[in-house]
Amino acid sequence: MRGLSPADLSFSLAPFLDGATAPVLLAVSGGPDSTALMHAAATRGAPAGLFVATVDHGLRAGSADEAAEVGRLAEKLGLPHAVLTWETPQRQNRIQAEAREARYGLLSRHAQTLGANRILAAHTRDDQAETVLMRLIAGSGPAGLAGMRAERPLGEGPRLARPFLDIAKADLVAYCEAHALPFVRDPSNADERFARARLRRLLPLLEGEGLSTERLARLAARMARDDAALAAQAATIFEAVRLAGEGEGLTLDGRRLAQEPAATVLRVLDAALGHDDAAPPKRLDRLETLVLDGILPALARGEPLRRTLRGKIVGVGPSGRIRITPAPPRRRAASLTL
C-alpha cells in the first residue's frame, strides 16, 4: 500500500475540476472513498464552486447520523452540504439495485437545482474489479466487461464522473487515516445476502491465483477500448443500412447488414432495439439467439422470421428487409420469447 498525498488525488481530480464552468456536486456517503474525495476536492477547489450531497436511503439505523457527520466535515472544509432522503424505499430482493437507481435520481435532480452539470463519485479500482466479475458471471460481452466508465451521462441530466477508478480502496482508507478524517464503514458491504459482498470475500483468493484487482481493472480498460471501436463501426453501419421510414418503426437492409461481421450485426440490432448506454447491461444471450440463430439464418435462406425482444417485434421479410416495430401492449408486458 502506498501513501497517497493530496497532490496524488488532486492529479486524479484535475480533469474533472479544472476549467469547470459550472458547479461540481460531490456524492459523499461518509465512507473512506468518498470522504477522501471530498477532502481532496476541497483542497484543490473548482472555478465554479463545489457542493456536497449525501443520500440517506434510510435502510439501517444510524444512517441519518452518518449523513449529519458528513455535513459537519463538509462545513469544516468550507463546502455546502445537503442530505437527500429516499422517501419510499422498496424492501425487496432488488433492494441494492433500487437504492442505486434512487441514489442517482436524487443526485441528478439536486445537481440540476444547483446548476451543476457533473457529479463526482468515489468508485475505486476494487469496485471496478467487483463489477467486472459480476458482469462476467452474468455472461456479458465487451460492453459489460468494460465495467464502470470513467464518465457517463445520467439520463438527460448531469454527467457522472469517477476519478478514482485507478486507485485502490486501501490507499483511500490510508489517506483518511493519515489526515485524521472520520469515516464510516457500511455493514452492507459485508452482508453476504448481496452478490457484491460475496465476490468481495472471494477476491483475495482470486488474487492468490493471479487474478488481482489490477488485472481485472486492466481488463475493463481493454474492453472499454475495444467496445468503443466496435460501437463506432456499428454506428457507421447502422446509418448505412437504415432505410427510409415506412410508417411506425424502423427498417434495415438485412442483406447489406448480413455482409458485416457478426459482432457488428449484434451491435446494429442492439441499437435498433433501443439500447441505452446508461442502463444496466441487457441480456446478451437473448440478443445473440435472435441474431445468430434467427435473423442471420433467415436472411441466408431467404425465409421469413418473426420474433419479439425488448418490447419490439422483429420481422424478416422475403425481400431481406428487417422490420422493427413496437409490440402490442399485451405482448410488451409479457415475458419475451425467442
C-alpha atoms as a PDB file:
ATOM      1  CA  MET A   1       0.000   0.000   0.000  1.00  0.00           C
ATOM      2  CA  ARG A   2       1.461   3.309  -0.969  1.00  0.00           C
ATOM      3  CA  GLY A   3       0.800   6.551   0.823  1.00  0.00           C
ATOM      4  CA  LEU A   4      -1.369   8.998  -1.091  1.00  0.00           C
ATOM      5  CA  SER A   5      -0.970  12.741  -0.690  1.00  0.00           C
ATOM      6  CA  PRO A   6      -3.486  15.466  -1.569  1.00  0.00           C
ATOM      7  CA  ALA A   7      -1.342  16.067  -4.647  1.00  0.00           C
ATOM      8  CA  ASP A   8      -1.870  12.454  -5.779  1.00  0.00           C
ATOM      9  CA  LEU A   9      -5.642  12.690  -5.540  1.00  0.00           C
ATOM     10  CA  SER A  10      -5.568  16.222  -6.909  1.00  0.00           C
ATOM     11  CA  PHE A  11      -3.947  14.866 -10.066  1.00  0.00           C
ATOM     12  CA  SER A  12      -6.827  12.387 -10.488  1.00  0.00           C
ATOM     13  CA  LEU A  13      -9.382  15.146  -9.909  1.00  0.00           C
ATOM     14  CA  ALA A  14      -7.796  17.697 -12.228  1.00  0.00           C
ATOM     15  CA  PRO A  15      -9.586  16.611 -15.454  1.00  0.00           C
ATOM     16  CA  PHE A  16     -12.951  16.902 -13.728  1.00  0.00           C
ATOM     17  CA  LEU A  17     -12.444  20.094 -11.704  1.00  0.00           C
ATOM     18  CA  ASP A  18     -10.059  22.335 -13.612  1.00  0.00           C
ATOM     19  CA  GLY A  19     -11.767  24.540 -16.126  1.00  0.00           C
ATOM     20  CA  ALA A  20     -15.260  23.536 -14.976  1.00  0.00           C
ATOM     21  CA  THR A  21     -17.662  26.312 -15.986  1.00  0.00           C
ATOM     22  CA  ALA A  22     -20.467  25.070 -13.729  1.00  0.00           C
ATOM     23  CA  PRO A  23     -20.552  23.950 -10.095  1.00  0.00           C
ATOM     24  CA  VAL A  24     -19.492  20.370  -9.348  1.00  0.00           C
ATOM     25  CA  LEU A  25     -21.501  18.137  -6.998  1.00  0.00           C
ATOM     26  CA  LEU A  26     -19.640  15.604  -4.850  1.00  0.00           C
ATOM     27  CA  ALA A  27     -21.545  12.454  -3.865  1.00  0.00           C
ATOM     28  CA  VAL A  28     -20.312  11.656  -0.351  1.00  0.00           C
ATOM     29  CA  SER A  29     -21.702   8.755   1.674  1.00  0.00           C
ATOM     30  CA  GLY A  30     -19.321   9.078   4.593  1.00  0.00           C
ATOM     31  CA  GLY A  31     -17.252   6.027   3.701  1.00  0.00           C
ATOM     32  CA  PRO A  32     -13.469   6.317   3.291  1.00  0.00           C
ATOM     33  CA  ASP A  33     -13.583   6.571  -0.514  1.00  0.00           C
ATOM     34  CA  SER A  34     -15.989   9.476  -0.735  1.00  0.00           C
ATOM     35  CA  THR A  35     -14.522  11.169   2.355  1.00  0.00           C
ATOM     36  CA  ALA A  36     -11.128  11.192   0.642  1.00  0.00           C
ATOM     37  CA  LEU A  37     -12.824  12.556  -2.479  1.00  0.00           C
ATOM     38  CA  MET A  38     -14.386  15.425  -0.532  1.00  0.00           C
ATOM     39  CA  HIS A  39     -11.163  16.326   1.261  1.00  0.00           C
ATOM     40  CA  ALA A  40      -9.007  16.219  -1.884  1.00  0.00           C
ATOM     41  CA  ALA A  41     -11.556  18.165  -3.931  1.00  0.00           C
ATOM     42  CA  ALA A  42     -11.847  20.822  -1.222  1.00  0.00           C
ATOM     43  CA  THR A  43      -8.049  21.093  -1.154  1.00  0.00           C
ATOM     44  CA  ARG A  44      -7.902  21.625  -4.920  1.00  0.00           C
ATOM     45  CA  GLY A  45     -11.099  23.638  -5.384  1.00  0.00           C
ATOM     46  CA  ALA A  46     -13.089  24.239  -8.560  1.00  0.00           C
ATOM     47  CA  PRO A  47     -13.591  27.503 -10.504  1.00  0.00           C
ATOM     48  CA  ALA A  48     -17.398  27.490 -10.267  1.00  0.00           C
ATOM     49  CA  GLY A  49     -17.632  26.002  -6.790  1.00  0.00           C
ATOM     50  CA  LEU A  50     -18.096  22.645  -5.082  1.00  0.00           C
ATOM     51  CA  PHE A  51     -21.206  21.250  -3.392  1.00  0.00           C
ATOM     52  CA  VAL A  52     -21.643  18.066  -1.364  1.00  0.00           C
ATOM     53  CA  ALA A  53     -24.683  15.797  -1.156  1.00  0.00           C
ATOM     54  CA  THR A  54     -25.303  12.678   0.924  1.00  0.00           C
ATOM     55  CA  VAL A  55     -28.121  10.292   0.061  1.00  0.00           C
ATOM     56  CA  ASP A  56     -29.803   8.829   3.138  1.00  0.00           C
ATOM     57  CA  HIS A  57     -31.504   5.636   1.984  1.00  0.00           C
ATOM     58  CA  GLY A  58     -32.996   5.066   5.419  1.00  0.00           C
ATOM     59  CA  LEU A  59     -32.274   1.350   5.191  1.00  0.00           C
ATOM     60  CA  ARG A  60     -30.469   0.962   8.510  1.00  0.00           C
ATOM     61  CA  ALA A  61     -30.264   2.587  11.916  1.00  0.00           C
ATOM     62  CA  GLY A  62     -27.794   5.412  12.168  1.00  0.00           C
ATOM     63  CA  SER A  63     -27.870   6.445   8.514  1.00  0.00           C
ATOM     64  CA  ALA A  64     -29.204   9.910   9.392  1.00  0.00           C
ATOM     65  CA  ASP A  65     -26.409  10.399  11.941  1.00  0.00           C
ATOM     66  CA  GLU A  66     -23.827   9.359   9.353  1.00  0.00           C
ATOM     67  CA  ALA A  67     -25.231  11.883   6.868  1.00  0.00           C
ATOM     68  CA  ALA A  68     -25.053  14.574   9.543  1.00  0.00           C
ATOM     69  CA  GLU A  69     -21.415  13.658  10.228  1.00  0.00           C
ATOM     70  CA  VAL A  70     -20.626  14.202   6.552  1.00  0.00           C
ATOM     71  CA  GLY A  71     -22.262  17.602   6.862  1.00  0.00           C
ATOM     72  CA  ARG A  72     -20.060  18.536   9.809  1.00  0.00           C
ATOM     73  CA  LEU A  73     -16.885  17.595   7.935  1.00  0.00           C
ATOM     74  CA  ALA A  74     -18.079  19.419   4.808  1.00  0.00           C
ATOM     75  CA  GLU A  75     -18.650  22.542   6.911  1.00  0.00           C
ATOM     76  CA  LYS A  76     -15.095  22.331   8.264  1.00  0.00           C
ATOM     77  CA  LEU A  77     -13.848  22.106   4.692  1.00  0.00           C
ATOM     78  CA  GLY A  78     -15.967  25.097   3.661  1.00  0.00           C
ATOM     79  CA  LEU A  79     -18.318  23.142   1.401  1.00  0.00           C
ATOM     80  CA  PRO A  80     -22.141  23.456   1.323  1.00  0.00           C
ATOM     81  CA  HIS A  81     -23.826  20.145   2.181  1.00  0.00           C
ATOM     82  CA  ALA A  82     -27.290  18.698   1.588  1.00  0.00           C
ATOM     83  CA  VAL A  83     -28.921  15.454   2.721  1.00  0.00           C
ATOM     84  CA  LEU A  84     -31.118  13.809   0.086  1.00  0.00           C
ATOM     85  CA  THR A  85     -33.606  11.346   1.567  1.00  0.00           C
ATOM     86  CA  TRP A  86     -35.064   8.327  -0.190  1.00  0.00           C
ATOM     87  CA  GLU A  87     -38.646   8.618   0.984  1.00  0.00           C
ATOM     88  CA  THR A  88     -40.110   5.342  -0.285  1.00  0.00           C
ATOM     89  CA  PRO A  89     -37.547   2.532  -0.150  1.00  0.00           C
ATOM     90  CA  GLN A  90     -38.775  -0.765  -1.581  1.00  0.00           C
ATOM     91  CA  ARG A  91     -37.579  -3.559   0.717  1.00  0.00           C
ATOM     92  CA  GLN A  92     -37.475  -6.336  -1.862  1.00  0.00           C
ATOM     93  CA  ASN A  93     -34.855  -8.688  -3.252  1.00  0.00           C
ATOM     94  CA  ARG A  94     -33.693  -5.919  -5.606  1.00  0.00           C
ATOM     95  CA  ILE A  95     -33.031  -3.517  -2.780  1.00  0.00           C
ATOM     96  CA  GLN A  96     -29.458  -2.658  -3.771  1.00  0.00           C
ATOM     97  CA  ALA A  97     -30.386  -2.048  -7.409  1.00  0.00           C
ATOM     98  CA  GLU A  98     -33.384   0.047  -6.387  1.00  0.00           C
ATOM     99  CA  ALA A  99     -31.281   2.028  -3.921  1.00  0.00           C
ATOM    100  CA  ARG A 100     -28.695   2.710  -6.643  1.00  0.00           C
ATOM    101  CA  GLU A 101     -31.367   3.911  -9.070  1.00  0.00           C
ATOM    102  CA  ALA A 102     -32.902   6.131  -6.386  1.00  0.00           C
ATOM    103  CA  ARG A 103     -29.495   7.495  -5.388  1.00  0.00           C
ATOM    104  CA  TYR A 104     -28.595   8.584  -8.907  1.00  0.00           C
ATOM    105  CA  GLY A 105     -32.047  10.045  -9.433  1.00  0.00           C
ATOM    106  CA  LEU A 106     -31.816  12.142  -6.257  1.00  0.00           C
ATOM    107  CA  LEU A 107     -28.277  13.276  -7.047  1.00  0.00           C
ATOM    108  CA  SER A 108     -29.178  14.172 -10.626  1.00  0.00           C
ATOM    109  CA  ARG A 109     -32.168  16.280  -9.605  1.00  0.00           C
ATOM    110  CA  HIS A 110     -30.180  18.025  -6.867  1.00  0.00           C
ATOM    111  CA  ALA A 111     -27.332  18.769  -9.269  1.00  0.00           C
ATOM    112  CA  GLN A 112     -29.776  20.379 -11.669  1.00  0.00           C
ATOM    113  CA  THR A 113     -31.149  22.629  -8.929  1.00  0.00           C
ATOM    114  CA  LEU A 114     -27.565  23.764  -8.254  1.00  0.00           C
ATOM    115  CA  GLY A 115     -26.793  24.312 -11.915  1.00  0.00           C
ATOM    116  CA  ALA A 116     -24.134  21.569 -11.718  1.00  0.00           C
ATOM    117  CA  ASN A 117     -23.511  19.521 -14.845  1.00  0.00           C
ATOM    118  CA  ARG A 118     -21.168  16.988 -13.268  1.00  0.00           C
ATOM    119  CA  ILE A 119     -21.397  14.681 -10.244  1.00  0.00           C
ATOM    120  CA  LEU A 120     -18.236  13.087  -8.863  1.00  0.00           C
ATOM    121  CA  ALA A 121     -18.461   9.658  -7.226  1.00  0.00           C
ATOM    122  CA  ALA A 122     -15.616   7.845  -5.470  1.00  0.00           C
ATOM    123  CA  HIS A 123     -15.782   4.361  -7.004  1.00  0.00           C
ATOM    124  CA  THR A 124     -12.394   2.662  -6.750  1.00  0.00           C
ATOM    125  CA  ARG A 125     -10.362   0.040  -8.575  1.00  0.00           C
ATOM    126  CA  ASP A 126     -11.804  -2.542  -6.146  1.00  0.00           C
ATOM    127  CA  ASP A 127     -15.340  -1.527  -7.130  1.00  0.00           C
ATOM    128  CA  GLN A 128     -14.380  -1.849 -10.783  1.00  0.00           C
ATOM    129  CA  ALA A 129     -12.963  -5.339 -10.229  1.00  0.00           C
ATOM    130  CA  GLU A 130     -16.154  -6.447  -8.481  1.00  0.00           C
ATOM    131  CA  THR A 131     -18.247  -5.011 -11.311  1.00  0.00           C
ATOM    132  CA  VAL A 132     -16.234  -6.887 -13.941  1.00  0.00           C
ATOM    133  CA  LEU A 133     -16.649 -10.161 -12.034  1.00  0.00           C
ATOM    134  CA  MET A 134     -20.398  -9.608 -11.700  1.00  0.00           C
ATOM    135  CA  ARG A 135     -20.686  -8.885 -15.409  1.00  0.00           C
ATOM    136  CA  LEU A 136     -18.577 -11.957 -16.232  1.00  0.00           C
ATOM    137  CA  ILE A 137     -20.906 -14.145 -14.168  1.00  0.00           C
ATOM    138  CA  ALA A 138     -23.883 -12.580 -15.948  1.00  0.00           C
ATOM    139  CA  GLY A 139     -22.419 -13.542 -19.330  1.00  0.00           C
ATOM    140  CA  SER A 140     -21.709 -10.006 -20.539  1.00  0.00           C
ATOM    141  CA  GLY A 141     -19.814  -9.158 -23.719  1.00  0.00           C
ATOM    142  CA  PRO A 142     -17.249  -6.368 -24.216  1.00  0.00           C
ATOM    143  CA  ALA A 143     -19.655  -3.580 -23.226  1.00  0.00           C
ATOM    144  CA  GLY A 144     -20.403  -5.216 -19.873  1.00  0.00           C
ATOM    145  CA  LEU A 145     -16.852  -6.339 -19.192  1.00  0.00           C
ATOM    146  CA  ALA A 146     -15.722  -2.745 -19.725  1.00  0.00           C
ATOM    147  CA  GLY A 147     -17.199  -2.200 -16.275  1.00  0.00           C
ATOM    148  CA  MET A 148     -17.937   1.277 -14.976  1.00  0.00           C
ATOM    149  CA  ARG A 149     -16.964   4.117 -17.281  1.00  0.00           C
ATOM    150  CA  ALA A 150     -14.865   6.994 -16.016  1.00  0.00           C
ATOM    151  CA  GLU A 151     -17.663   9.307 -17.108  1.00  0.00           C
ATOM    152  CA  ARG A 152     -21.195   8.798 -18.424  1.00  0.00           C
ATOM    153  CA  PRO A 153     -24.441  10.739 -18.664  1.00  0.00           C
ATOM    154  CA  LEU A 154     -27.198  10.317 -16.094  1.00  0.00           C
ATOM    155  CA  GLY A 155     -30.117  10.323 -18.491  1.00  0.00           C
ATOM    156  CA  GLU A 156     -30.557  13.816 -19.891  1.00  0.00           C
ATOM    157  CA  GLY A 157     -29.200  15.437 -16.747  1.00  0.00           C
ATOM    158  CA  PRO A 158     -25.649  15.930 -15.453  1.00  0.00           C
ATOM    159  CA  ARG A 159     -22.754  13.568 -16.140  1.00  0.00           C
ATOM    160  CA  LEU A 160     -21.471  11.124 -13.545  1.00  0.00           C
ATOM    161  CA  ALA A 161     -17.669  11.004 -13.248  1.00  0.00           C
ATOM    162  CA  ARG A 162     -15.492   8.538 -11.349  1.00  0.00           C
ATOM    163  CA  PRO A 163     -11.993   9.995 -10.919  1.00  0.00           C
ATOM    164  CA  PHE A 164     -10.700   7.238  -8.576  1.00  0.00           C
ATOM    165  CA  LEU A 165     -11.252   4.129 -10.724  1.00  0.00           C
ATOM    166  CA  ASP A 166      -7.490   3.549 -10.898  1.00  0.00           C
ATOM    167  CA  ILE A 167      -6.959   3.894  -7.133  1.00  0.00           C
ATOM    168  CA  ALA A 168      -7.135   1.024  -4.624  1.00  0.00           C
ATOM    169  CA  LYS A 169      -9.638   1.350  -1.806  1.00  0.00           C
ATOM    170  CA  ALA A 170      -6.914   0.557   0.751  1.00  0.00           C
ATOM    171  CA  ASP A 171      -4.995   3.632  -0.397  1.00  0.00           C
ATOM    172  CA  LEU A 172      -8.021   5.839   0.211  1.00  0.00           C
ATOM    173  CA  VAL A 173      -8.530   4.343   3.666  1.00  0.00           C
ATOM    174  CA  ALA A 174      -4.867   5.097   4.426  1.00  0.00           C
ATOM    175  CA  TYR A 175      -5.354   8.639   3.095  1.00  0.00           C
ATOM    176  CA  CYS A 176      -8.227   9.249   5.502  1.00  0.00           C
ATOM    177  CA  GLU A 177      -6.278   7.839   8.412  1.00  0.00           C
ATOM    178  CA  ALA A 178      -3.213   9.925   7.555  1.00  0.00           C
ATOM    179  CA  HIS A 179      -5.307  13.101   7.520  1.00  0.00           C
ATOM    180  CA  ALA A 180      -7.411  12.170  10.581  1.00  0.00           C
ATOM    181  CA  LEU A 181     -10.607  12.211   8.519  1.00  0.00           C
ATOM    182  CA  PRO A 182     -13.562  10.478  10.200  1.00  0.00           C
ATOM    183  CA  PHE A 183     -15.358   7.905   8.084  1.00  0.00           C
ATOM    184  CA  VAL A 184     -17.885   5.091   8.465  1.00  0.00           C
ATOM    185  CA  ARG A 185     -17.959   1.534   7.181  1.00  0.00           C
ATOM    186  CA  ASP A 186     -21.244   0.382   5.657  1.00  0.00           C
ATOM    187  CA  PRO A 187     -22.111  -3.028   7.179  1.00  0.00           C
ATOM    188  CA  SER A 188     -23.980  -3.986   3.991  1.00  0.00           C
ATOM    189  CA  ASN A 189     -20.572  -4.207   2.294  1.00  0.00           C
ATOM    190  CA  ALA A 190     -20.012  -7.420   4.268  1.00  0.00           C
ATOM    191  CA  ASP A 191     -23.615  -8.703   4.043  1.00  0.00           C
ATOM    192  CA  GLU A 192     -23.385 -11.908   2.040  1.00  0.00           C
ATOM    193  CA  ARG A 193     -27.016 -11.728   1.019  1.00  0.00           C
ATOM    194  CA  PHE A 194     -25.662  -9.444  -1.700  1.00  0.00           C
ATOM    195  CA  ALA A 195     -23.618 -10.776  -4.622  1.00  0.00           C
ATOM    196  CA  ARG A 196     -21.114  -7.934  -4.426  1.00  0.00           C
ATOM    197  CA  ALA A 197     -20.265  -8.785  -0.820  1.00  0.00           C
ATOM    198  CA  ARG A 198     -19.788 -12.463  -1.669  1.00  0.00           C
ATOM    199  CA  LEU A 199     -17.461 -11.576  -4.524  1.00  0.00           C
ATOM    200  CA  ARG A 200     -15.563  -9.203  -2.248  1.00  0.00           C
ATOM    201  CA  ARG A 201     -14.834 -12.142   0.041  1.00  0.00           C
ATOM    202  CA  LEU A 202     -13.537 -14.179  -2.903  1.00  0.00           C
ATOM    203  CA  LEU A 203     -11.229 -11.518  -4.316  1.00  0.00           C
ATOM    204  CA  PRO A 204      -8.252 -12.353  -2.051  1.00  0.00           C
ATOM    205  CA  LEU A 205      -8.487 -15.998  -3.174  1.00  0.00           C
ATOM    206  CA  LEU A 206      -8.586 -14.974  -6.824  1.00  0.00           C
ATOM    207  CA  GLU A 207      -5.650 -12.657  -6.266  1.00  0.00           C
ATOM    208  CA  GLY A 208      -3.695 -15.626  -4.921  1.00  0.00           C
ATOM    209  CA  GLU A 209      -4.217 -17.244  -8.332  1.00  0.00           C
ATOM    210  CA  GLY A 210      -3.042 -14.123 -10.139  1.00  0.00           C
ATOM    211  CA  LEU A 211      -6.464 -12.557 -10.825  1.00  0.00           C
ATOM    212  CA  SER A 212      -5.854  -9.313  -8.956  1.00  0.00           C
ATOM    213  CA  THR A 213      -7.976  -6.177  -8.880  1.00  0.00           C
ATOM    214  CA  GLU A 214      -5.295  -4.536 -11.020  1.00  0.00           C
ATOM    215  CA  ARG A 215      -5.700  -7.184 -13.731  1.00  0.00           C
ATOM    216  CA  LEU A 216      -9.476  -7.038 -13.601  1.00  0.00           C
ATOM    217  CA  ALA A 217      -9.347  -3.247 -13.900  1.00  0.00           C
ATOM    218  CA  ARG A 218      -6.913  -3.578 -16.806  1.00  0.00           C
ATOM    219  CA  LEU A 219      -9.331  -5.994 -18.480  1.00  0.00           C
ATOM    220  CA  ALA A 220     -12.085  -3.390 -18.076  1.00  0.00           C
ATOM    221  CA  ALA A 221      -9.896  -0.730 -19.698  1.00  0.00           C
ATOM    222  CA  ARG A 222      -9.086  -3.019 -22.631  1.00  0.00           C
ATOM    223  CA  MET A 223     -12.727  -3.993 -23.091  1.00  0.00           C
ATOM    224  CA  ALA A 224     -13.740  -0.323 -22.980  1.00  0.00           C
ATOM    225  CA  ARG A 225     -11.210   0.440 -25.709  1.00  0.00           C
ATOM    226  CA  ASP A 226     -12.442  -2.428 -27.908  1.00  0.00           C
ATOM    227  CA  ASP A 227     -16.070  -1.608 -27.140  1.00  0.00           C
ATOM    228  CA  ALA A 228     -15.578   1.986 -28.295  1.00  0.00           C
ATOM    229  CA  ALA A 229     -14.110   0.782 -31.604  1.00  0.00           C
ATOM    230  CA  LEU A 230     -16.961  -1.692 -32.142  1.00  0.00           C
ATOM    231  CA  ALA A 231     -19.537   0.939 -31.250  1.00  0.00           C
ATOM    232  CA  ALA A 232     -18.094   3.430 -33.742  1.00  0.00           C
ATOM    233  CA  GLN A 233     -18.061   0.823 -36.510  1.00  0.00           C
ATOM    234  CA  ALA A 234     -21.603  -0.279 -35.698  1.00  0.00           C
ATOM    235  CA  ALA A 235     -22.854   3.327 -35.741  1.00  0.00           C
ATOM    236  CA  THR A 236     -21.465   3.785 -39.261  1.00  0.00           C
ATOM    237  CA  ILE A 237     -23.050   0.547 -40.489  1.00  0.00           C
ATOM    238  CA  PHE A 238     -26.353   1.368 -38.769  1.00  0.00           C
ATOM    239  CA  GLU A 239     -26.670   4.543 -40.813  1.00  0.00           C
ATOM    240  CA  ALA A 240     -25.654   2.690 -43.991  1.00  0.00           C
ATOM    241  CA  VAL A 241     -28.351   0.000 -43.643  1.00  0.00           C
ATOM    242  CA  ARG A 242     -31.131   2.159 -42.238  1.00  0.00           C
ATOM    243  CA  LEU A 243     -33.833   2.626 -44.869  1.00  0.00           C
ATOM    244  CA  ALA A 244     -36.360   5.403 -45.332  1.00  0.00           C
ATOM    245  CA  GLY A 245     -39.252   5.244 -42.897  1.00  0.00           C
ATOM    246  CA  GLU A 246     -42.302   3.176 -43.754  1.00  0.00           C
ATOM    247  CA  GLY A 247     -44.783   4.110 -41.068  1.00  0.00           C
ATOM    248  CA  GLU A 248     -44.147   3.301 -37.413  1.00  0.00           C
ATOM    249  CA  GLY A 249     -40.940   1.512 -36.597  1.00  0.00           C
ATOM    250  CA  LEU A 250     -37.567   1.033 -38.219  1.00  0.00           C
ATOM    251  CA  THR A 251     -36.472  -0.755 -41.395  1.00  0.00           C
ATOM    252  CA  LEU A 252     -32.988  -2.083 -42.086  1.00  0.00           C
ATOM    253  CA  ASP A 253     -31.407  -3.503 -45.227  1.00  0.00           C
ATOM    254  CA  GLY A 254     -30.838  -7.006 -43.887  1.00  0.00           C
ATOM    255  CA  ARG A 255     -28.926  -8.312 -46.895  1.00  0.00           C
ATOM    256  CA  ARG A 256     -26.435  -5.469 -46.667  1.00  0.00           C
ATOM    257  CA  LEU A 257     -26.169  -5.906 -42.899  1.00  0.00           C
ATOM    258  CA  ALA A 258     -25.534  -9.656 -43.218  1.00  0.00           C
ATOM    259  CA  GLN A 259     -22.288  -8.900 -45.078  1.00  0.00           C
ATOM    260  CA  GLU A 260     -20.801  -7.485 -41.862  1.00  0.00           C
ATOM    261  CA  PRO A 261     -19.092  -9.491 -39.086  1.00  0.00           C
ATOM    262  CA  ALA A 262     -21.492 -10.997 -36.572  1.00  0.00           C
ATOM    263  CA  ALA A 263     -20.158  -8.704 -33.816  1.00  0.00           C
ATOM    264  CA  THR A 264     -21.169  -5.670 -35.891  1.00  0.00           C
ATOM    265  CA  VAL A 265     -24.585  -7.134 -36.711  1.00  0.00           C
ATOM    266  CA  LEU A 266     -25.216  -7.684 -33.000  1.00  0.00           C
ATOM    267  CA  ARG A 267     -24.312  -4.067 -32.253  1.00  0.00           C
ATOM    268  CA  VAL A 268     -26.543  -2.715 -35.008  1.00  0.00           C
ATOM    269  CA  LEU A 269     -29.549  -4.747 -33.838  1.00  0.00           C
ATOM    270  CA  ASP A 270     -28.822  -3.715 -30.253  1.00  0.00           C
ATOM    271  CA  ALA A 271     -29.015  -0.070 -31.334  1.00  0.00           C
ATOM    272  CA  ALA A 272     -32.116  -0.686 -33.439  1.00  0.00           C
ATOM    273  CA  LEU A 273     -33.855  -2.241 -30.440  1.00  0.00           C
ATOM    274  CA  GLY A 274     -33.152   0.854 -28.372  1.00  0.00           C
ATOM    275  CA  HIS A 275     -30.102   0.019 -26.276  1.00  0.00           C
ATOM    276  CA  ASP A 276     -29.444   2.663 -23.619  1.00  0.00           C
ATOM    277  CA  ASP A 277     -25.762   3.107 -22.662  1.00  0.00           C
ATOM    278  CA  ALA A 278     -26.801   4.481 -19.286  1.00  0.00           C
ATOM    279  CA  ALA A 279     -28.873   1.405 -18.419  1.00  0.00           C
ATOM    280  CA  PRO A 280     -27.541  -1.801 -16.887  1.00  0.00           C
ATOM    281  CA  PRO A 281     -26.245  -4.263 -19.500  1.00  0.00           C
ATOM    282  CA  LYS A 282     -29.070  -6.237 -21.088  1.00  0.00           C
ATOM    283  CA  ARG A 283     -29.185  -9.991 -21.618  1.00  0.00           C
ATOM    284  CA  LEU A 284     -26.638 -10.566 -24.369  1.00  0.00           C
ATOM    285  CA  ASP A 285     -27.672 -14.211 -24.790  1.00  0.00           C
ATOM    286  CA  ARG A 286     -31.173 -13.182 -25.892  1.00  0.00           C
ATOM    287  CA  LEU A 287     -29.792 -10.797 -28.477  1.00  0.00           C
ATOM    288  CA  GLU A 288     -27.372 -13.486 -29.694  1.00  0.00           C
ATOM    289  CA  THR A 289     -30.221 -16.009 -30.021  1.00  0.00           C
ATOM    290  CA  LEU A 290     -32.256 -13.523 -32.034  1.00  0.00           C
ATOM    291  CA  VAL A 291     -29.428 -12.516 -34.374  1.00  0.00           C
ATOM    292  CA  LEU A 292     -27.207 -15.598 -34.658  1.00  0.00           C
ATOM    293  CA  ASP A 293     -29.896 -18.295 -34.511  1.00  0.00           C
ATOM    294  CA  GLY A 294     -32.731 -16.323 -36.084  1.00  0.00           C
ATOM    295  CA  ILE A 295     -32.087 -13.284 -38.261  1.00  0.00           C
ATOM    296  CA  LEU A 296     -28.848 -14.270 -39.998  1.00  0.00           C
ATOM    297  CA  PRO A 297     -30.002 -17.830 -40.907  1.00  0.00           C
ATOM    298  CA  ALA A 298     -33.353 -16.454 -42.136  1.00  0.00           C
ATOM    299  CA  LEU A 299     -31.579 -13.925 -44.336  1.00  0.00           C
ATOM    300  CA  ALA A 300     -29.231 -16.607 -45.719  1.00  0.00           C
ATOM    301  CA  ARG A 301     -32.158 -18.896 -46.621  1.00  0.00           C
ATOM    302  CA  GLY A 302     -34.471 -16.124 -47.770  1.00  0.00           C
ATOM    303  CA  GLU A 303     -37.068 -17.204 -45.229  1.00  0.00           C
ATOM    304  CA  PRO A 304     -39.447 -15.007 -43.213  1.00  0.00           C
ATOM    305  CA  LEU A 305     -38.949 -14.640 -39.479  1.00  0.00           C
ATOM    306  CA  ARG A 306     -40.918 -13.042 -36.655  1.00  0.00           C
ATOM    307  CA  ARG A 307     -39.617 -12.715 -33.091  1.00  0.00           C
ATOM    308  CA  THR A 308     -40.057 -10.423 -30.088  1.00  0.00           C
ATOM    309  CA  LEU A 309     -37.404  -8.863 -27.869  1.00  0.00           C
ATOM    310  CA  ARG A 310     -37.364  -5.825 -25.524  1.00  0.00           C
ATOM    311  CA  GLY A 311     -40.964  -4.981 -26.308  1.00  0.00           C
ATOM    312  CA  LYS A 312     -40.328  -4.944 -30.063  1.00  0.00           C
ATOM    313  CA  ILE A 313     -41.430  -7.195 -32.914  1.00  0.00           C
ATOM    314  CA  VAL A 314     -38.552  -8.071 -35.218  1.00  0.00           C
ATOM    315  CA  GLY A 315     -39.557  -9.365 -38.634  1.00  0.00           C
ATOM    316  CA  VAL A 316     -37.505 -10.507 -41.626  1.00  0.00           C
ATOM    317  CA  GLY A 317     -39.332 -10.359 -44.956  1.00  0.00           C
ATOM    318  CA  PRO A 318     -38.720 -12.165 -48.252  1.00  0.00           C
ATOM    319  CA  SER A 319     -37.080  -9.018 -49.612  1.00  0.00           C
ATOM    320  CA  GLY A 320     -34.363  -9.298 -46.962  1.00  0.00           C
ATOM    321  CA  ARG A 321     -35.540  -6.272 -45.040  1.00  0.00           C
ATOM    322  CA  ILE A 322     -35.581  -6.289 -41.259  1.00  0.00           C
ATOM    323  CA  ARG A 323     -38.600  -4.510 -39.804  1.00  0.00           C
ATOM    324  CA  ILE A 324     -38.673  -3.493 -36.136  1.00  0.00           C
ATOM    325  CA  THR A 325     -41.941  -2.236 -34.654  1.00  0.00           C
ATOM    326  CA  PRO A 326     -43.358  -1.816 -31.150  1.00  0.00           C
ATOM    327  CA  ALA A 327     -45.127  -4.914 -29.818  1.00  0.00           C
ATOM    328  CA  PRO A 328     -48.803  -4.559 -28.864  1.00  0.00           C
ATOM    329  CA  PRO A 329     -49.240  -3.604 -25.191  1.00  0.00           C
ATOM    330  CA  ARG A 330     -50.361  -7.052 -24.049  1.00  0.00           C
ATOM    331  CA  ARG A 331     -47.311  -8.669 -25.637  1.00  0.00           C
ATOM    332  CA  ARG A 332     -44.948  -5.987 -24.372  1.00  0.00           C
ATOM    333  CA  ALA A 333     -45.984  -6.729 -20.815  1.00  0.00           C
ATOM    334  CA  ALA A 334     -45.441 -10.459 -21.197  1.00  0.00           C
ATOM    335  CA  SER A 335     -42.131 -12.260 -20.874  1.00  0.00           C
ATOM    336  CA  LEU A 336     -40.139 -12.144 -24.071  1.00  0.00           C
ATOM    337  CA  THR A 337     -39.997 -15.355 -26.061  1.00  0.00           C
ATOM    338  CA  LEU A 338     -37.471 -16.194 -28.704  1.00  0.00           C
END
